[in-house]
Amino acid sequence: MERKRISTKDAWIAFVATLLIGIGYQVIGKLPLDSTVAQFIGTIWNAILAAVVGYIFLKNRFVNQFKHFSFKTLAWGIPLTIVTGALFGLVYSLLFGKPTENSVAGIITLQMVFLQVPFMLMGEELLSTNIILALEEKGLDFKWASLICGVLFALWHIPAYGFHPAQLLITLLPTRLALNYVWKKSNSVWISWLCHYLYDCLGFIQFFTK
């Protein structure tokens, strides 16, 4: 089937809209909302809005990433993600000392891990793949689109870690690049999402052992 062409205008709209969704997510926690309401909105915000933007403006390229699944890529994608995250976490610790802890440390529960985190991480994946797809449609090579996505992904975590650019870029950027590579090779957002989820779950273990 011939891929439906994405116009330059649609690619730009998808890129800018996705940026605004990511920025909007950071504002939610600062709004005068009931904590339960804010938590619910925060859980689905990125996933729902990024999905709508991707479906409307990125068309078949957005939809196609949901149609594929590669066990082979998953088999090497999980260790790649874990090793990349651990390695650059170690690099940061050696250079700058103990990193700032994720703000979720004090509130994480098993219920959140199984009922909220999957939706939140799918939101992060769709924000990331929207950015890459939009930039590729603008003519950028995957490696540059992935790098821009990685920097944005790192900065979108300011609410979780505070404004610590070195930590965000050294620890989160490489992990995002690994996830982007897994996504590209598998052509499946399910694979990058699973790798992301398992990686984060391993990181959450420390919060339950304190």
N, C-alpha and C. Protein backbone atom coordinates (compact mmCIF):
# COMPACT_ATOMS: atom_id res chain seq x y z
N MET A 1 0.84 -1.20 0.00
CA MET A 1 0.00 0.00 0.00
C MET A 1 0.88 1.25 0.00
N GLU A 2 0.57 2.20 -0.84
CA GLU A 2 1.35 3.42 -0.93
C GLU A 2 1.15 4.26 0.31
N ARG A 3 2.25 4.77 0.86
CA ARG A 3 2.18 5.57 2.07
C ARG A 3 1.60 6.93 1.75
N LYS A 4 0.62 7.33 2.56
CA LYS A 4 -0.01 8.63 2.37
C LYS A 4 0.99 9.73 2.65
N ARG A 5 1.16 10.65 1.74
CA ARG A 5 2.16 11.70 1.87
C ARG A 5 1.79 12.67 2.97
N ILE A 6 2.83 13.06 3.73
CA ILE A 6 2.66 14.05 4.79
C ILE A 6 3.20 15.38 4.29
N SER A 7 2.40 16.40 4.34
CA SER A 7 2.83 17.70 3.84
C SER A 7 3.81 18.35 4.81
N THR A 8 4.58 19.29 4.29
CA THR A 8 5.51 20.04 5.13
C THR A 8 4.77 20.76 6.24
N LYS A 9 3.61 21.30 5.91
CA LYS A 9 2.80 22.00 6.91
C LYS A 9 2.38 21.06 8.02
N ASP A 10 1.91 19.87 7.66
CA ASP A 10 1.48 18.91 8.67
C ASP A 10 2.64 18.46 9.56
N ALA A 11 3.81 18.29 8.95
CA ALA A 11 4.99 17.90 9.73
C ALA A 11 5.36 18.97 10.75
N TRP A 12 5.30 20.23 10.33
CA TRP A 12 5.59 21.33 11.25
C TRP A 12 4.56 21.40 12.36
N ILE A 13 3.29 21.24 12.00
CA ILE A 13 2.24 21.28 13.02
C ILE A 13 2.44 20.17 14.04
N ALA A 14 2.76 18.97 13.54
CA ALA A 14 2.98 17.84 14.44
C ALA A 14 4.15 18.11 15.38
N PHE A 15 5.22 18.70 14.84
CA PHE A 15 6.40 19.00 15.66
C PHE A 15 6.08 20.03 16.74
N VAL A 16 5.48 21.14 16.34
CA VAL A 16 5.18 22.22 17.29
C VAL A 16 4.13 21.77 18.30
N ALA A 17 3.09 21.09 17.84
CA ALA A 17 2.04 20.61 18.75
C ALA A 17 2.61 19.65 19.78
N THR A 18 3.51 18.77 19.35
CA THR A 18 4.12 17.83 20.27
C THR A 18 4.99 18.55 21.30
N LEU A 19 5.72 19.56 20.87
CA LEU A 19 6.49 20.38 21.81
C LEU A 19 5.56 21.01 22.86
N LEU A 20 4.45 21.56 22.41
CA LEU A 20 3.51 22.21 23.33
C LEU A 20 2.88 21.22 24.30
N ILE A 21 2.63 20.00 23.82
CA ILE A 21 2.10 18.96 24.71
C ILE A 21 3.10 18.65 25.82
N GLY A 22 4.37 18.51 25.43
CA GLY A 22 5.41 18.23 26.42
C GLY A 22 5.56 19.36 27.43
N ILE A 23 5.48 20.60 26.96
CA ILE A 23 5.56 21.75 27.86
C ILE A 23 4.33 21.80 28.76
N GLY A 24 3.17 21.53 28.17
CA GLY A 24 1.92 21.53 28.94
C GLY A 24 1.94 20.54 30.08
N TYR A 25 2.55 19.39 29.83
CA TYR A 25 2.65 18.36 30.88
C TYR A 25 3.40 18.87 32.09
N GLN A 26 4.43 19.68 31.84
CA GLN A 26 5.22 20.22 32.94
C GLN A 26 4.45 21.25 33.76
N VAL A 27 3.44 21.84 33.15
CA VAL A 27 2.65 22.87 33.83
C VAL A 27 1.58 22.27 34.73
N ILE A 28 1.14 21.04 34.41
CA ILE A 28 0.03 20.43 35.14
C ILE A 28 0.25 20.42 36.64
N GLY A 29 1.44 20.03 37.08
CA GLY A 29 1.72 19.95 38.50
C GLY A 29 1.70 21.28 39.21
N LYS A 30 1.76 22.38 38.46
CA LYS A 30 1.77 23.71 39.07
C LYS A 30 0.38 24.35 39.10
N LEU A 31 -0.60 23.68 38.52
CA LEU A 31 -1.95 24.21 38.50
C LEU A 31 -2.67 23.95 39.83
N PRO A 32 -3.58 24.83 40.20
CA PRO A 32 -4.31 24.65 41.47
C PRO A 32 -5.41 23.59 41.34
N LEU A 33 -4.99 22.34 41.12
CA LEU A 33 -5.94 21.25 40.93
C LEU A 33 -5.89 20.29 42.11
N ASP A 34 -7.01 19.61 42.35
CA ASP A 34 -7.03 18.53 43.33
C ASP A 34 -5.97 17.50 42.93
N SER A 35 -5.25 16.96 43.91
CA SER A 35 -4.13 16.07 43.62
C SER A 35 -4.55 14.84 42.81
N THR A 36 -5.74 14.31 43.10
CA THR A 36 -6.23 13.15 42.36
C THR A 36 -6.50 13.50 40.90
N VAL A 37 -7.10 14.68 40.70
CA VAL A 37 -7.40 15.13 39.34
C VAL A 37 -6.10 15.39 38.58
N ALA A 38 -5.15 16.06 39.23
CA ALA A 38 -3.87 16.35 38.58
C ALA A 38 -3.14 15.06 38.23
N GLN A 39 -3.20 14.07 39.12
CA GLN A 39 -2.54 12.79 38.87
C GLN A 39 -3.17 12.08 37.68
N PHE A 40 -4.50 12.11 37.60
CA PHE A 40 -5.20 11.46 36.48
C PHE A 40 -4.86 12.14 35.16
N ILE A 41 -4.92 13.48 35.15
CA ILE A 41 -4.61 14.21 33.92
C ILE A 41 -3.17 13.96 33.51
N GLY A 42 -2.25 13.97 34.49
CA GLY A 42 -0.84 13.75 34.19
C GLY A 42 -0.57 12.37 33.63
N THR A 43 -1.36 11.39 34.05
CA THR A 43 -1.16 10.02 33.60
C THR A 43 -1.47 9.85 32.12
N ILE A 44 -2.53 10.51 31.66
CA ILE A 44 -2.99 10.29 30.28
C ILE A 44 -2.67 11.44 29.33
N TRP A 45 -2.21 12.56 29.85
CA TRP A 45 -2.01 13.77 29.06
C TRP A 45 -1.18 13.53 27.79
N ASN A 46 0.05 13.10 27.97
CA ASN A 46 0.95 12.92 26.82
C ASN A 46 0.44 11.86 25.85
N ALA A 47 -0.01 10.73 26.41
CA ALA A 47 -0.43 9.62 25.55
C ALA A 47 -1.61 9.99 24.67
N ILE A 48 -2.64 10.58 25.27
CA ILE A 48 -3.84 10.92 24.51
C ILE A 48 -3.57 12.02 23.50
N LEU A 49 -2.98 13.11 23.95
CA LEU A 49 -2.79 14.25 23.06
C LEU A 49 -1.76 13.95 21.96
N ALA A 50 -0.67 13.28 22.32
CA ALA A 50 0.33 12.93 21.29
C ALA A 50 -0.26 11.96 20.28
N ALA A 51 -1.12 11.05 20.74
CA ALA A 51 -1.77 10.11 19.82
C ALA A 51 -2.68 10.84 18.84
N VAL A 52 -3.42 11.81 19.34
CA VAL A 52 -4.32 12.58 18.46
C VAL A 52 -3.52 13.36 17.42
N VAL A 53 -2.46 14.02 17.88
CA VAL A 53 -1.62 14.80 16.96
C VAL A 53 -0.97 13.88 15.92
N GLY A 54 -0.41 12.76 16.39
CA GLY A 54 0.25 11.83 15.47
C GLY A 54 -0.71 11.27 14.45
N TYR A 55 -1.90 10.88 14.90
CA TYR A 55 -2.88 10.27 14.00
C TYR A 55 -3.36 11.26 12.93
N ILE A 56 -3.57 12.51 13.34
CA ILE A 56 -4.10 13.50 12.40
C ILE A 56 -3.03 14.00 11.43
N PHE A 57 -1.85 14.31 11.95
CA PHE A 57 -0.86 15.01 11.12
C PHE A 57 0.26 14.11 10.58
N LEU A 58 0.54 12.99 11.24
CA LEU A 58 1.60 12.10 10.76
C LEU A 58 1.05 10.86 10.07
N LYS A 59 -0.23 10.72 10.11
CA LYS A 59 -0.98 9.75 9.31
C LYS A 59 -0.42 8.32 9.40
N ASN A 60 -0.21 7.69 8.25
CA ASN A 60 0.18 6.28 8.22
C ASN A 60 1.48 5.99 8.94
N ARG A 61 2.41 6.92 8.90
CA ARG A 61 3.70 6.69 9.58
C ARG A 61 3.49 6.55 11.08
N PHE A 62 2.56 7.31 11.61
CA PHE A 62 2.25 7.18 13.04
C PHE A 62 1.55 5.86 13.32
N VAL A 63 0.56 5.54 12.52
CA VAL A 63 -0.24 4.33 12.74
C VAL A 63 0.60 3.07 12.56
N ASN A 64 1.51 3.07 11.59
CA ASN A 64 2.29 1.87 11.28
C ASN A 64 3.15 1.37 12.43
N GLN A 65 3.57 2.26 13.31
CA GLN A 65 4.42 1.84 14.42
C GLN A 65 3.67 0.97 15.43
N PHE A 66 2.34 0.96 15.34
CA PHE A 66 1.53 0.12 16.21
C PHE A 66 1.25 -1.25 15.58
N LYS A 67 1.62 -1.42 14.33
CA LYS A 67 1.29 -2.65 13.59
C LYS A 67 2.40 -3.69 13.61
N HIS A 68 3.54 -3.35 14.20
CA HIS A 68 4.70 -4.24 14.16
C HIS A 68 5.13 -4.64 15.56
N PHE A 69 5.75 -5.82 15.64
CA PHE A 69 6.31 -6.30 16.90
C PHE A 69 7.43 -7.27 16.57
N SER A 70 8.59 -7.06 17.17
CA SER A 70 9.76 -7.90 16.87
C SER A 70 10.35 -8.45 18.17
N PHE A 71 10.16 -9.74 18.39
CA PHE A 71 10.75 -10.37 19.57
C PHE A 71 12.27 -10.34 19.52
N LYS A 72 12.81 -10.43 18.30
CA LYS A 72 14.26 -10.40 18.13
C LYS A 72 14.83 -9.06 18.60
N THR A 73 14.19 -7.97 18.18
CA THR A 73 14.66 -6.66 18.60
C THR A 73 14.44 -6.44 20.09
N LEU A 74 13.33 -6.95 20.60
CA LEU A 74 13.07 -6.84 22.03
C LEU A 74 14.16 -7.55 22.83
N ALA A 75 14.63 -8.70 22.32
CA ALA A 75 15.62 -9.51 23.03
C ALA A 75 16.94 -8.76 23.23
N TRP A 76 17.35 -7.97 22.22
CA TRP A 76 18.59 -7.20 22.41
C TRP A 76 18.31 -5.76 22.83
N GLY A 77 17.07 -5.31 22.62
CA GLY A 77 16.73 -3.94 22.98
C GLY A 77 16.68 -3.73 24.49
N ILE A 78 16.19 -4.73 25.23
CA ILE A 78 16.12 -4.61 26.69
C ILE A 78 17.51 -4.47 27.30
N PRO A 79 18.44 -5.39 27.02
CA PRO A 79 19.78 -5.20 27.60
C PRO A 79 20.48 -3.95 27.10
N LEU A 80 20.26 -3.56 25.84
CA LEU A 80 20.88 -2.33 25.33
C LEU A 80 20.42 -1.13 26.15
N THR A 81 19.13 -1.05 26.40
CA THR A 81 18.57 0.08 27.16
C THR A 81 19.10 0.09 28.59
N ILE A 82 19.10 -1.08 29.24
CA ILE A 82 19.54 -1.19 30.62
C ILE A 82 21.03 -0.86 30.75
N VAL A 83 21.85 -1.43 29.87
CA VAL A 83 23.29 -1.20 29.94
C VAL A 83 23.62 0.27 29.64
N THR A 84 22.95 0.85 28.66
CA THR A 84 23.19 2.26 28.33
C THR A 84 22.85 3.16 29.51
N GLY A 85 21.67 2.94 30.11
CA GLY A 85 21.27 3.74 31.25
C GLY A 85 22.22 3.59 32.42
N ALA A 86 22.60 2.36 32.72
CA ALA A 86 23.49 2.10 33.85
C ALA A 86 24.88 2.69 33.61
N LEU A 87 25.39 2.52 32.39
CA LEU A 87 26.73 3.00 32.05
C LEU A 87 26.83 4.52 32.19
N PHE A 88 25.88 5.24 31.62
CA PHE A 88 25.95 6.70 31.66
C PHE A 88 25.56 7.24 33.03
N GLY A 89 24.76 6.47 33.78
CA GLY A 89 24.52 6.84 35.17
C GLY A 89 25.80 6.77 35.97
N LEU A 90 26.61 5.74 35.69
CA LEU A 90 27.91 5.58 36.35
C LEU A 90 28.86 6.69 35.94
N VAL A 91 28.87 7.04 34.66
CA VAL A 91 29.72 8.12 34.16
C VAL A 91 29.39 9.42 34.90
N TYR A 92 28.10 9.71 35.03
CA TYR A 92 27.71 10.94 35.72
C TYR A 92 28.16 10.92 37.18
N SER A 93 27.97 9.77 37.85
CA SER A 93 28.36 9.65 39.26
C SER A 93 29.86 9.85 39.44
N LEU A 94 30.66 9.32 38.51
CA LEU A 94 32.10 9.47 38.61
C LEU A 94 32.53 10.91 38.39
N LEU A 95 31.83 11.62 37.53
CA LEU A 95 32.20 13.00 37.21
C LEU A 95 31.66 14.02 38.21
N PHE A 96 30.42 13.79 38.65
CA PHE A 96 29.74 14.82 39.44
C PHE A 96 29.23 14.35 40.80
N GLY A 97 29.33 13.08 41.09
CA GLY A 97 28.81 12.57 42.35
C GLY A 97 27.40 12.04 42.22
N LYS A 98 26.75 11.83 43.34
CA LYS A 98 25.42 11.23 43.35
C LYS A 98 24.42 12.09 42.61
N PRO A 99 23.66 11.50 41.68
CA PRO A 99 22.67 12.29 40.93
C PRO A 99 21.45 12.64 41.79
N THR A 100 20.73 13.66 41.37
CA THR A 100 19.48 14.02 42.02
C THR A 100 18.47 12.90 41.84
N GLU A 101 17.75 12.57 42.89
CA GLU A 101 16.80 11.46 42.84
C GLU A 101 15.51 11.88 42.15
N ASN A 102 14.91 10.95 41.45
CA ASN A 102 13.63 11.18 40.80
C ASN A 102 12.58 11.55 41.84
N SER A 103 11.80 12.58 41.58
CA SER A 103 10.80 13.05 42.54
C SER A 103 9.73 12.01 42.82
N VAL A 104 9.62 10.99 41.97
CA VAL A 104 8.63 9.94 42.18
C VAL A 104 9.01 9.03 43.35
N ALA A 105 10.25 9.13 43.81
CA ALA A 105 10.76 8.24 44.85
C ALA A 105 9.89 8.21 46.10
N GLY A 106 9.38 9.38 46.47
CA GLY A 106 8.62 9.47 47.71
C GLY A 106 7.17 9.06 47.61
N ILE A 107 6.68 8.87 46.37
CA ILE A 107 5.24 8.58 46.22
C ILE A 107 4.95 7.30 45.45
N ILE A 108 5.98 6.66 44.89
CA ILE A 108 5.76 5.49 44.04
C ILE A 108 5.14 4.34 44.82
N THR A 109 4.17 3.68 44.22
CA THR A 109 3.54 2.50 44.80
C THR A 109 3.44 1.44 43.72
N LEU A 110 3.18 0.19 44.13
CA LEU A 110 3.01 -0.87 43.14
C LEU A 110 1.81 -0.58 42.24
N GLN A 111 0.78 0.02 42.80
CA GLN A 111 -0.39 0.38 42.00
C GLN A 111 0.00 1.35 40.89
N MET A 112 0.84 2.32 41.21
CA MET A 112 1.31 3.26 40.19
C MET A 112 2.13 2.56 39.12
N VAL A 113 2.99 1.65 39.55
CA VAL A 113 3.87 0.94 38.62
C VAL A 113 3.06 0.18 37.57
N PHE A 114 1.95 -0.41 37.98
CA PHE A 114 1.18 -1.25 37.06
C PHE A 114 0.01 -0.52 36.39
N LEU A 115 -0.50 0.53 37.01
CA LEU A 115 -1.69 1.18 36.46
C LEU A 115 -1.44 2.57 35.87
N GLN A 116 -0.41 3.26 36.33
CA GLN A 116 -0.14 4.61 35.84
C GLN A 116 1.10 4.69 34.95
N VAL A 117 2.17 4.08 35.42
CA VAL A 117 3.44 4.19 34.70
C VAL A 117 3.34 3.72 33.23
N PRO A 118 2.66 2.61 32.94
CA PRO A 118 2.56 2.20 31.52
C PRO A 118 1.98 3.27 30.62
N PHE A 119 0.94 3.98 31.09
CA PHE A 119 0.33 5.04 30.28
C PHE A 119 1.27 6.23 30.16
N MET A 120 1.96 6.56 31.25
CA MET A 120 2.87 7.70 31.23
C MET A 120 4.04 7.44 30.27
N LEU A 121 4.54 6.21 30.28
CA LEU A 121 5.67 5.90 29.41
C LEU A 121 5.25 5.79 27.95
N MET A 122 4.04 5.31 27.70
CA MET A 122 3.56 5.34 26.32
C MET A 122 3.45 6.78 25.85
N GLY A 123 3.05 7.67 26.74
CA GLY A 123 3.00 9.09 26.39
C GLY A 123 4.37 9.61 26.02
N GLU A 124 5.40 9.22 26.78
CA GLU A 124 6.76 9.65 26.48
C GLU A 124 7.24 9.07 25.15
N GLU A 125 6.85 7.83 24.87
CA GLU A 125 7.23 7.23 23.60
C GLU A 125 6.58 7.95 22.42
N LEU A 126 5.31 8.30 22.56
CA LEU A 126 4.61 8.96 21.46
C LEU A 126 5.11 10.39 21.26
N LEU A 127 5.44 11.07 22.35
CA LEU A 127 6.07 12.39 22.20
C LEU A 127 7.36 12.25 21.39
N SER A 128 8.15 11.24 21.73
CA SER A 128 9.45 11.04 21.09
C SER A 128 9.30 10.64 19.62
N THR A 129 8.42 9.68 19.34
CA THR A 129 8.29 9.22 17.96
C THR A 129 7.62 10.29 17.08
N ASN A 130 6.72 11.09 17.65
CA ASN A 130 6.15 12.20 16.89
C ASN A 130 7.24 13.17 16.45
N ILE A 131 8.14 13.49 17.37
CA ILE A 131 9.23 14.42 17.06
C ILE A 131 10.10 13.85 15.94
N ILE A 132 10.48 12.59 16.07
CA ILE A 132 11.36 11.98 15.06
C ILE A 132 10.66 11.91 13.70
N LEU A 133 9.42 11.43 13.69
CA LEU A 133 8.70 11.31 12.43
C LEU A 133 8.51 12.66 11.76
N ALA A 134 8.17 13.67 12.54
CA ALA A 134 7.97 15.01 11.97
C ALA A 134 9.26 15.55 11.39
N LEU A 135 10.38 15.38 12.10
CA LEU A 135 11.65 15.88 11.61
C LEU A 135 12.14 15.10 10.39
N GLU A 136 11.89 13.80 10.37
CA GLU A 136 12.24 13.01 9.19
C GLU A 136 11.43 13.47 7.98
N GLU A 137 10.17 13.79 8.20
CA GLU A 137 9.35 14.29 7.09
C GLU A 137 9.84 15.64 6.59
N LYS A 138 10.54 16.37 7.48
CA LYS A 138 11.13 17.65 7.08
C LYS A 138 12.47 17.46 6.37
N GLY A 139 12.92 16.19 6.25
CA GLY A 139 14.14 15.91 5.51
C GLY A 139 15.36 15.64 6.36
N LEU A 140 15.20 15.63 7.67
CA LEU A 140 16.33 15.38 8.56
C LEU A 140 16.64 13.89 8.63
N ASP A 141 17.93 13.54 8.68
CA ASP A 141 18.32 12.14 8.86
C ASP A 141 17.88 11.67 10.24
N PHE A 142 17.68 10.35 10.35
CA PHE A 142 17.24 9.79 11.63
C PHE A 142 18.17 10.14 12.77
N LYS A 143 19.48 10.10 12.55
CA LYS A 143 20.43 10.33 13.66
C LYS A 143 20.28 11.74 14.23
N TRP A 144 20.02 12.73 13.36
CA TRP A 144 19.85 14.09 13.86
C TRP A 144 18.47 14.27 14.49
N ALA A 145 17.47 13.67 13.88
CA ALA A 145 16.13 13.72 14.47
C ALA A 145 16.12 13.06 15.84
N SER A 146 16.84 11.94 15.94
CA SER A 146 16.92 11.21 17.21
C SER A 146 17.64 12.04 18.26
N LEU A 147 18.70 12.75 17.86
CA LEU A 147 19.46 13.56 18.80
C LEU A 147 18.60 14.71 19.33
N ILE A 148 17.89 15.39 18.44
CA ILE A 148 17.00 16.48 18.87
C ILE A 148 15.93 15.94 19.81
N CYS A 149 15.36 14.80 19.45
CA CYS A 149 14.37 14.15 20.30
C CYS A 149 14.97 13.85 21.67
N GLY A 150 16.20 13.33 21.69
CA GLY A 150 16.84 12.97 22.94
C GLY A 150 17.06 14.16 23.86
N VAL A 151 17.47 15.28 23.28
CA VAL A 151 17.67 16.50 24.09
C VAL A 151 16.34 16.97 24.67
N LEU A 152 15.30 16.99 23.84
CA LEU A 152 13.98 17.39 24.33
C LEU A 152 13.48 16.45 25.41
N PHE A 153 13.67 15.15 25.19
CA PHE A 153 13.27 14.14 26.17
C PHE A 153 13.94 14.40 27.52
N ALA A 154 15.24 14.70 27.47
CA ALA A 154 15.98 14.97 28.71
C ALA A 154 15.41 16.21 29.41
N LEU A 155 15.15 17.27 28.67
CA LEU A 155 14.65 18.50 29.26
C LEU A 155 13.22 18.35 29.77
N TRP A 156 12.44 17.48 29.14
CA TRP A 156 11.08 17.24 29.62
C TRP A 156 11.05 16.60 31.01
N HIS A 157 12.21 16.14 31.47
CA HIS A 157 12.28 15.51 32.80
C HIS A 157 12.73 16.49 33.89
N ILE A 158 12.76 17.77 33.58
CA ILE A 158 13.11 18.77 34.59
C ILE A 158 12.18 18.68 35.81
N PRO A 159 10.84 18.51 35.62
CA PRO A 159 9.98 18.41 36.81
C PRO A 159 10.33 17.22 37.70
N ALA A 160 10.87 16.16 37.13
CA ALA A 160 11.19 14.95 37.90
C ALA A 160 12.53 15.06 38.61
N TYR A 161 13.50 15.76 38.00
CA TYR A 161 14.86 15.79 38.55
C TYR A 161 15.33 17.19 38.92
N GLY A 162 14.56 18.21 38.58
CA GLY A 162 15.02 19.56 38.79
C GLY A 162 15.87 20.02 37.61
N PHE A 163 16.25 21.31 37.63
CA PHE A 163 17.02 21.86 36.52
C PHE A 163 18.49 21.55 36.74
N HIS A 164 18.89 20.37 36.29
CA HIS A 164 20.27 19.90 36.38
C HIS A 164 20.67 19.43 34.98
N PRO A 165 21.00 20.37 34.08
CA PRO A 165 21.25 20.04 32.67
C PRO A 165 22.27 18.93 32.46
N ALA A 166 23.38 18.97 33.22
CA ALA A 166 24.42 17.95 33.04
C ALA A 166 23.87 16.56 33.34
N GLN A 167 23.14 16.44 34.44
CA GLN A 167 22.57 15.14 34.80
C GLN A 167 21.57 14.68 33.76
N LEU A 168 20.68 15.58 33.35
CA LEU A 168 19.64 15.22 32.39
C LEU A 168 20.25 14.76 31.06
N LEU A 169 21.25 15.50 30.59
CA LEU A 169 21.83 15.19 29.28
C LEU A 169 22.76 13.98 29.33
N ILE A 170 23.48 13.80 30.43
CA ILE A 170 24.41 12.67 30.51
C ILE A 170 23.69 11.36 30.80
N THR A 171 22.64 11.40 31.61
CA THR A 171 21.97 10.16 32.00
C THR A 171 20.77 9.81 31.12
N LEU A 172 19.97 10.81 30.74
CA LEU A 172 18.73 10.52 30.02
C LEU A 172 18.88 10.55 28.50
N LEU A 173 19.71 11.44 27.99
CA LEU A 173 19.89 11.53 26.54
C LEU A 173 20.37 10.22 25.93
N PRO A 174 21.43 9.59 26.46
CA PRO A 174 21.88 8.33 25.86
C PRO A 174 20.83 7.22 25.91
N THR A 175 20.08 7.18 27.02
CA THR A 175 19.03 6.16 27.14
C THR A 175 17.94 6.37 26.09
N ARG A 176 17.60 7.64 25.86
CA ARG A 176 16.60 7.94 24.84
C ARG A 176 17.11 7.58 23.45
N LEU A 177 18.38 7.83 23.20
CA LEU A 177 18.96 7.46 21.91
C LEU A 177 18.91 5.95 21.69
N ALA A 178 19.15 5.19 22.76
CA ALA A 178 19.05 3.73 22.67
C ALA A 178 17.62 3.31 22.36
N LEU A 179 16.66 3.93 23.02
CA LEU A 179 15.25 3.61 22.78
C LEU A 179 14.83 4.00 21.37
N ASN A 180 15.33 5.12 20.90
CA ASN A 180 15.03 5.54 19.52
C ASN A 180 15.57 4.54 18.51
N TYR A 181 16.77 4.04 18.77
CA TYR A 181 17.39 3.05 17.89
C TYR A 181 16.58 1.76 17.87
N VAL A 182 16.14 1.33 19.04
CA VAL A 182 15.30 0.13 19.14
C VAL A 182 14.00 0.33 18.36
N TRP A 183 13.42 1.49 18.52
CA TRP A 183 12.17 1.80 17.81
C TRP A 183 12.38 1.78 16.30
N LYS A 184 13.47 2.39 15.85
CA LYS A 184 13.74 2.46 14.41
C LYS A 184 13.96 1.07 13.83
N LYS A 185 14.72 0.25 14.52
CA LYS A 185 15.04 -1.08 14.02
C LYS A 185 13.82 -2.00 14.00
N SER A 186 12.94 -1.82 14.96
CA SER A 186 11.75 -2.69 15.04
C SER A 186 10.55 -2.09 14.32
N ASN A 187 10.60 -0.77 14.04
CA ASN A 187 9.45 -0.06 13.48
C ASN A 187 8.23 -0.27 14.37
N SER A 188 8.47 -0.38 15.68
CA SER A 188 7.39 -0.70 16.62
C SER A 188 7.50 0.12 17.89
N VAL A 189 6.48 0.91 18.17
CA VAL A 189 6.46 1.67 19.41
C VAL A 189 6.24 0.74 20.60
N TRP A 190 5.66 -0.44 20.35
CA TRP A 190 5.47 -1.42 21.44
C TRP A 190 6.81 -1.88 22.00
N ILE A 191 7.81 -2.03 21.11
CA ILE A 191 9.12 -2.52 21.55
C ILE A 191 9.84 -1.46 22.38
N SER A 192 9.88 -0.23 21.89
CA SER A 192 10.56 0.83 22.66
C SER A 192 9.83 1.08 23.97
N TRP A 193 8.50 0.97 23.96
CA TRP A 193 7.71 1.15 25.19
C TRP A 193 8.02 0.05 26.20
N LEU A 194 8.09 -1.18 25.76
CA LEU A 194 8.40 -2.29 26.68
C LEU A 194 9.81 -2.14 27.25
N CYS A 195 10.77 -1.79 26.41
CA CYS A 195 12.14 -1.58 26.89
C CYS A 195 12.18 -0.45 27.91
N HIS A 196 11.46 0.62 27.63
CA HIS A 196 11.39 1.77 28.52
C HIS A 196 10.75 1.37 29.85
N TYR A 197 9.66 0.63 29.77
CA TYR A 197 8.93 0.24 30.98
C TYR A 197 9.78 -0.68 31.87
N LEU A 198 10.41 -1.68 31.28
CA LEU A 198 11.23 -2.60 32.06
C LEU A 198 12.44 -1.89 32.66
N TYR A 199 13.03 -0.97 31.91
CA TYR A 199 14.16 -0.20 32.43
C TYR A 199 13.74 0.63 33.64
N ASP A 200 12.60 1.32 33.53
CA ASP A 200 12.13 2.14 34.64
C ASP A 200 11.75 1.28 35.85
N CYS A 201 11.14 0.13 35.60
CA CYS A 201 10.76 -0.75 36.70
C CYS A 201 11.99 -1.21 37.49
N LEU A 202 13.07 -1.49 36.79
CA LEU A 202 14.32 -1.84 37.48
C LEU A 202 14.80 -0.68 38.34
N GLY A 203 14.65 0.53 37.82
CA GLY A 203 15.05 1.71 38.58
C GLY A 203 14.18 1.94 39.80
N PHE A 204 12.90 1.55 39.70
CA PHE A 204 11.98 1.75 40.83
C PHE A 204 12.28 0.83 42.00
N ILE A 205 12.95 -0.29 41.74
CA ILE A 205 13.20 -1.27 42.80
C ILE A 205 13.87 -0.63 44.01
N GLN A 206 14.80 0.27 43.76
CA GLN A 206 15.54 0.91 44.86
C GLN A 206 14.61 1.70 45.78
N PHE A 207 13.50 2.21 45.22
CA PHE A 207 12.59 3.01 46.02
C PHE A 207 11.75 2.14 46.98
N PHE A 208 11.63 0.85 46.65
CA PHE A 208 10.85 -0.04 47.49
C PHE A 208 11.71 -0.76 48.53
N THR A 209 13.00 -0.60 48.43
CA THR A 209 13.90 -1.30 49.36
C THR A 209 14.46 -0.39 50.45
N LYS A 210 14.02 0.86 50.44
CA LYS A 210 14.52 1.81 51.45
C LYS A 210 13.80 1.61 52.78
